[in-house]
């Protein structure tokens, strides 16, 4: 039996796991770096991350040619496969709104506005998550999705291909 004031916690989030035991103050102090690792604000970038981002985006991708926005919702203005549309919607949310964590509702609204008559896309989103194209966080109605680095690169490739298919007067 542990003395009063002693805590023991064990947390597992995906591949990250931590187990701490001790006084409440010691556990809190030990937990803080772990929490910072998992909950790093999207706006805070290390110099290395900034240089990677700059190196990966030498030229701006003209998404406005294939995406339209209405309030919080972004949808495709060109024909595309459902899977491609999901990635482009996530890319548009990130590019235009700075929204790196997109709700399922925003994705579904964008798909419907794009002309897709789908009831659910969670199976596709789960597959993308397993393929490391997207990162899913939260549960149920609080579930949010963001592009991983691989997913971002794949979405940009799809966008370039869709832009290239436009008639020359639009591209």
Protein backbone atom coordinates (compact mmCIF):
# COMPACT_ATOMS: atom_id res chain seq x y z
CA UNK A 1 0.00 0.00 0.00
CA UNK A 2 1.31 3.41 -0.99
CA UNK A 3 1.50 6.21 1.55
CA UNK A 4 -0.99 9.09 1.28
CA UNK A 5 0.06 11.71 -1.26
CA UNK A 6 1.74 9.13 -3.51
CA UNK A 7 0.58 8.79 -7.11
CA UNK A 8 1.04 6.17 -9.75
CA UNK A 9 0.00 6.84 -13.33
CA UNK A 10 0.39 4.96 -16.56
CA UNK A 11 -0.51 6.56 -19.87
CA UNK A 12 -0.31 5.05 -23.33
CA UNK A 13 -1.08 7.14 -26.42
CA UNK A 14 -0.35 5.27 -29.61
CA UNK A 15 3.33 4.41 -29.61
CA UNK A 16 4.09 6.67 -26.62
CA UNK A 17 3.84 5.26 -23.10
CA UNK A 18 4.86 6.52 -19.67
CA UNK A 19 4.55 5.10 -16.17
CA UNK A 20 5.31 7.31 -13.16
CA UNK A 21 5.18 6.76 -9.42
CA UNK A 22 5.96 9.03 -6.47
CA UNK A 23 4.70 12.12 -4.74
CA UNK A 24 2.11 14.18 -6.60
CA UNK A 25 4.68 16.94 -7.14
CA UNK A 26 7.34 14.54 -8.48
CA UNK A 27 4.86 12.81 -10.82
CA UNK A 28 3.65 16.14 -12.13
CA UNK A 29 7.23 17.35 -12.69
CA UNK A 30 8.18 14.11 -14.51
CA UNK A 31 5.00 14.11 -16.60
CA UNK A 32 5.40 17.67 -17.95
CA UNK A 33 8.12 16.90 -20.58
CA UNK A 34 6.06 13.93 -21.81
CA UNK A 35 2.98 16.13 -22.09
CA UNK A 36 4.95 18.76 -24.02
CA UNK A 37 6.18 16.09 -26.41
CA UNK A 38 2.62 15.01 -27.20
CA UNK A 39 0.90 18.38 -27.14
CA UNK A 40 3.31 20.63 -29.00
CA UNK A 41 1.42 23.60 -30.46
CA UNK A 42 1.24 23.52 -34.25
CA UNK A 43 2.44 27.12 -34.44
CA UNK A 44 5.69 26.34 -32.62
CA UNK A 45 8.31 25.07 -35.04
CA UNK A 46 11.91 24.32 -34.38
CA UNK A 47 14.47 25.88 -36.72
CA UNK A 48 15.06 22.42 -38.22
CA UNK A 49 11.33 21.97 -38.89
CA UNK A 50 11.18 25.45 -40.45
CA UNK A 51 14.08 24.70 -42.78
CA UNK A 52 12.46 21.39 -43.79
CA UNK A 53 9.20 23.18 -44.55
CA UNK A 54 10.98 25.83 -46.59
CA UNK A 55 12.98 23.21 -48.48
CA UNK A 56 9.85 21.18 -49.27
CA UNK A 57 7.83 24.11 -50.58
CA UNK A 58 10.06 25.92 -53.06
CA UNK A 59 7.05 27.14 -55.04
CA UNK A 60 3.53 27.86 -53.91
CA UNK A 61 0.91 25.35 -55.01
CA UNK A 62 -2.05 27.18 -56.64
CA UNK A 63 -4.78 25.23 -54.80
CA UNK A 64 -7.36 27.92 -55.50
CA UNK A 65 -7.58 26.54 -59.06
CA UNK A 66 -9.05 23.25 -57.82
CA UNK A 67 -10.51 24.17 -54.42
CA UNK A 68 -13.28 26.52 -53.40
CA UNK A 69 -13.99 27.75 -49.91
CA UNK A 70 -17.16 28.77 -48.17
CA UNK A 71 -16.68 29.73 -44.53
CA UNK A 72 -14.96 26.85 -42.74
CA UNK A 73 -15.67 24.40 -45.55
CA UNK A 74 -13.32 23.66 -48.44
CA UNK A 75 -14.35 21.51 -51.37
CA UNK A 76 -13.06 20.52 -54.78
CA UNK A 77 -14.14 22.39 -57.89
CA UNK A 78 -12.82 19.60 -60.16
CA UNK A 79 -13.60 15.90 -60.48
CA UNK A 80 -11.47 13.55 -58.38
CA UNK A 81 -11.59 10.18 -56.67
CA UNK A 82 -13.09 10.15 -53.18
CA UNK A 83 -9.77 9.22 -51.52
CA UNK A 84 -7.96 12.01 -53.36
CA UNK A 85 -10.69 14.50 -52.46
CA UNK A 86 -10.25 13.75 -48.74
CA UNK A 87 -6.52 14.47 -48.89
CA UNK A 88 -7.05 17.65 -50.92
CA UNK A 89 -9.67 18.89 -48.43
CA UNK A 90 -7.22 18.32 -45.57
CA UNK A 91 -4.52 20.13 -47.56
CA UNK A 92 -6.86 23.06 -48.29
CA UNK A 93 -7.86 23.34 -44.63
CA UNK A 94 -4.20 23.49 -43.67
CA UNK A 95 -3.18 25.86 -46.47
CA UNK A 96 -6.03 28.36 -46.42
CA UNK A 97 -7.25 28.29 -42.81
CA UNK A 98 -4.12 27.14 -41.04
CA UNK A 99 -6.34 24.39 -39.64
CA UNK A 100 -4.05 21.41 -39.10
CA UNK A 101 -6.64 19.37 -37.19
CA UNK A 102 -9.81 19.01 -39.22
CA UNK A 103 -13.03 17.57 -37.83
CA UNK A 104 -14.88 14.77 -39.56
CA UNK A 105 -17.83 17.12 -40.01
CA UNK A 106 -15.67 19.61 -41.95
CA UNK A 107 -14.37 16.78 -44.15
CA UNK A 108 -17.88 15.42 -44.80
CA UNK A 109 -19.26 18.89 -45.59
CA UNK A 110 -16.39 19.47 -48.03
CA UNK A 111 -17.03 16.13 -49.71
CA UNK A 112 -20.77 16.80 -50.03
CA UNK A 113 -20.06 20.27 -51.44
CA UNK A 114 -17.67 18.58 -53.90
CA UNK A 115 -20.54 16.42 -55.17
CA UNK A 116 -19.87 13.17 -53.30
CA UNK A 117 -22.95 11.45 -51.91
CA UNK A 118 -21.31 9.53 -49.07
CA UNK A 119 -22.72 8.81 -45.64
CA UNK A 120 -19.46 7.91 -43.88
CA UNK A 121 -15.76 8.11 -44.62
CA UNK A 122 -14.36 6.79 -41.35
CA UNK A 123 -13.23 3.53 -43.00
CA UNK A 124 -11.17 5.51 -45.54
CA UNK A 125 -9.80 7.80 -42.82
CA UNK A 126 -8.86 4.75 -40.71
CA UNK A 127 -7.07 3.22 -43.70
CA UNK A 128 -5.18 6.48 -44.31
CA UNK A 129 -4.25 6.50 -40.63
CA UNK A 130 -2.92 2.93 -40.84
CA UNK A 131 -0.93 3.91 -43.96
CA UNK A 132 0.48 6.91 -42.05
CA UNK A 133 -1.02 9.36 -44.56
CA UNK A 134 -2.97 11.09 -41.82
CA UNK A 135 -2.80 11.33 -38.05
CA UNK A 136 -6.09 10.82 -36.21
CA UNK A 137 -6.56 12.11 -32.67
CA UNK A 138 -9.47 12.12 -30.25
CA UNK A 139 -12.46 9.85 -30.07
CA UNK A 140 -15.95 9.84 -31.49
CA UNK A 141 -17.24 13.37 -32.10
CA UNK A 142 -13.97 14.90 -30.95
CA UNK A 143 -12.00 12.99 -33.59
CA UNK A 144 -9.70 15.22 -35.64
CA UNK A 145 -7.53 14.48 -38.64
CA UNK A 146 -4.35 16.04 -39.97
CA UNK A 147 -1.96 15.20 -42.77
CA UNK A 148 1.28 13.48 -41.84
CA UNK A 149 4.42 14.54 -43.69
CA UNK A 150 3.94 11.66 -46.15
CA UNK A 151 0.26 12.54 -46.47
CA UNK A 152 1.12 16.18 -47.14
CA UNK A 153 3.51 15.21 -49.92
CA UNK A 154 0.97 12.78 -51.40
CA UNK A 155 -1.81 15.40 -51.25
CA UNK A 156 0.45 17.93 -53.00
CA UNK A 157 1.22 15.38 -55.74
CA UNK A 158 -2.49 14.79 -56.25
CA UNK A 159 -3.15 18.54 -56.34
CA UNK A 160 -0.41 19.07 -58.93
CA UNK A 161 -1.86 16.28 -61.08
CA UNK A 162 -5.38 17.76 -60.86
CA UNK A 163 -4.08 21.24 -61.69
CA UNK A 164 -2.15 19.84 -64.66
CA UNK A 165 -5.38 18.31 -66.02
CA UNK A 166 -7.11 21.69 -66.17
CA UNK A 167 -7.48 23.33 -69.57
CA UNK A 168 -4.53 25.63 -70.28
CA UNK A 169 -6.66 28.77 -69.84
CA UNK A 170 -7.36 27.81 -66.20
CA UNK A 171 -3.88 26.56 -65.23
